[in-house]
Each structure stands twice: as structure tokens, then as C-alpha cells.
Amino acid sequence: MRVLAIADPHLSGATPKPMTVFGPSWEGHPDAFFEGWRSVVREDDLVLIPGDISWAMRIEDALVDLEAIAALPGRKVLLRGNHDYWWPSLRKLRTLLPSGMAAIQNDAVRVGDVVVAGTRGWVVPGSHGFEEHDARIYAREVQRLRLSLHAAATLGGDYLAVMLHFPPTNPRGEGSEFLDVLCAAAPDAVVFGHVHGSVPVVVPKIGDALVSFVAADHLGFVPAVLRPG
């Protein structure tokens, strides 16, 4: 089974929000997202979506976007991003998700021989403007990553993919607790998004893992292949 990833769809089907205000790289959105997906994803693929899925504020509105993604080829695993305000309790979300979709939050899922873990993450120490309240959220997200990877370790599988929404390092590529936890887990792939525009992004080395920055606009709206098949 192939594994692909694309973050930050930023869909807004219920109340359209033009993304071109965030720069020319969003020209053609959201059609470019759906066309890019269909250009590479097959029905038997698994696609990871690490956050910022919908601009909706309520789950009822977000379902418009979730159903549009569900109609695309492949099975999907979702992670919450910092703009996914619509995301309800995990129990409620799992009862509402369209067929072929799964979501993780402080846990992990297995799809075929692939185990998917992860957490939203946060800005890390050394980032511009990192303050005391950031330190609290950062520590909490590190613990959530540990919980998710612990759950993943109980699921077996042949391939471990980890999703983060935020990058696991600061803009200078310095070490972080996220990197320490990930290195200890020895995943096969790590993906993250969140950053847009001309902001430089450091893709850190995490053991032998394939580490990929998969923000949709960075990818030209074409999901990245993590595991060929």
C-alpha cells in the first residue's frame, strides 16, 4: 500500500474563504487541491492529512469539507491543526466521519500494515516570540506525542508514519523534545505542514526516517509520496 501526505487543505465549502489573500501560491485553490489529489492518489492508497483541514468553526460546516475529501480516492487519516476550530471530541468526531476516514488524537491507528501516530505540535524553544504560555503548550504536545507513539507501539504493523502539524524544530533547525521523542521511536516517515509563503522551513534529520514538509501550497497541491508501491 502506498502512503502519501498533504497538509493544510484550508477548505471552506460551507462559507467560502479565498486563500489568495495569503499569496499567489494559492491561486486556483480549492480546485487545485482536488485536481492535484486526483492526479496521483489511487483508491488503494493511504493519505495522511496533518491539520488545517477546514476553516469551519462548527463540525456541521466542516462536514461539507470532510465529505468532499472523503469522495476523493484513497483512505485518509486526519490530524488536528491549529486552525481546525471545528474539531469536536474525538469520540464525537469518529461517529461523524465519512466512510474511509480515520482521525487520531493522543492515540494511533493502523490501516493495513501502516501505523499512523502524531500530534498537533507547537512552536518550539528558540522560535521568535516563544513565551511562557508557549512553553506550557509545547510541553503538553510533547507528552501527547509520547502517548500517541506508545499507542502506536501496541498496534504492530510494518511501517510507522508520524504526523505533526507544526514543524518539530525552530527556524534554525535546533534540537527539540519533539525530535528526541521521534528519534527514539524510529519512525519510517515524519510529515508536517503549517508554514506558508516565503518563510524558510528546516527539514530536520530524524534517524533514518523520511522527513517531509507537506503544506499543500508548498507541494503545488499534489500529495507527496512517502512510501511507493
Foldseek 3Di string as FASTA:
>chain_A
DWEWEAEALAQQVLHDDQPCVVDPLSPPPPVLLQVQAQVDAAQAYEYEYEENQYQDQAVVRCVVSQVVVVPGHAAYEYAYEPNPNRDDPQVVVVVVGDPRYHYDWLAWDDDPQEIEFEHAAAAFPPAPPDDDVRVVVNVVRLVSRVSHLVRSVVPHGDAYEYEYADDQYHLVQDDGSNLVSQLVSPGQEYEYENDDDPRDDDFHDRDNHHYYHRHCSVVSSHIGTRGDD
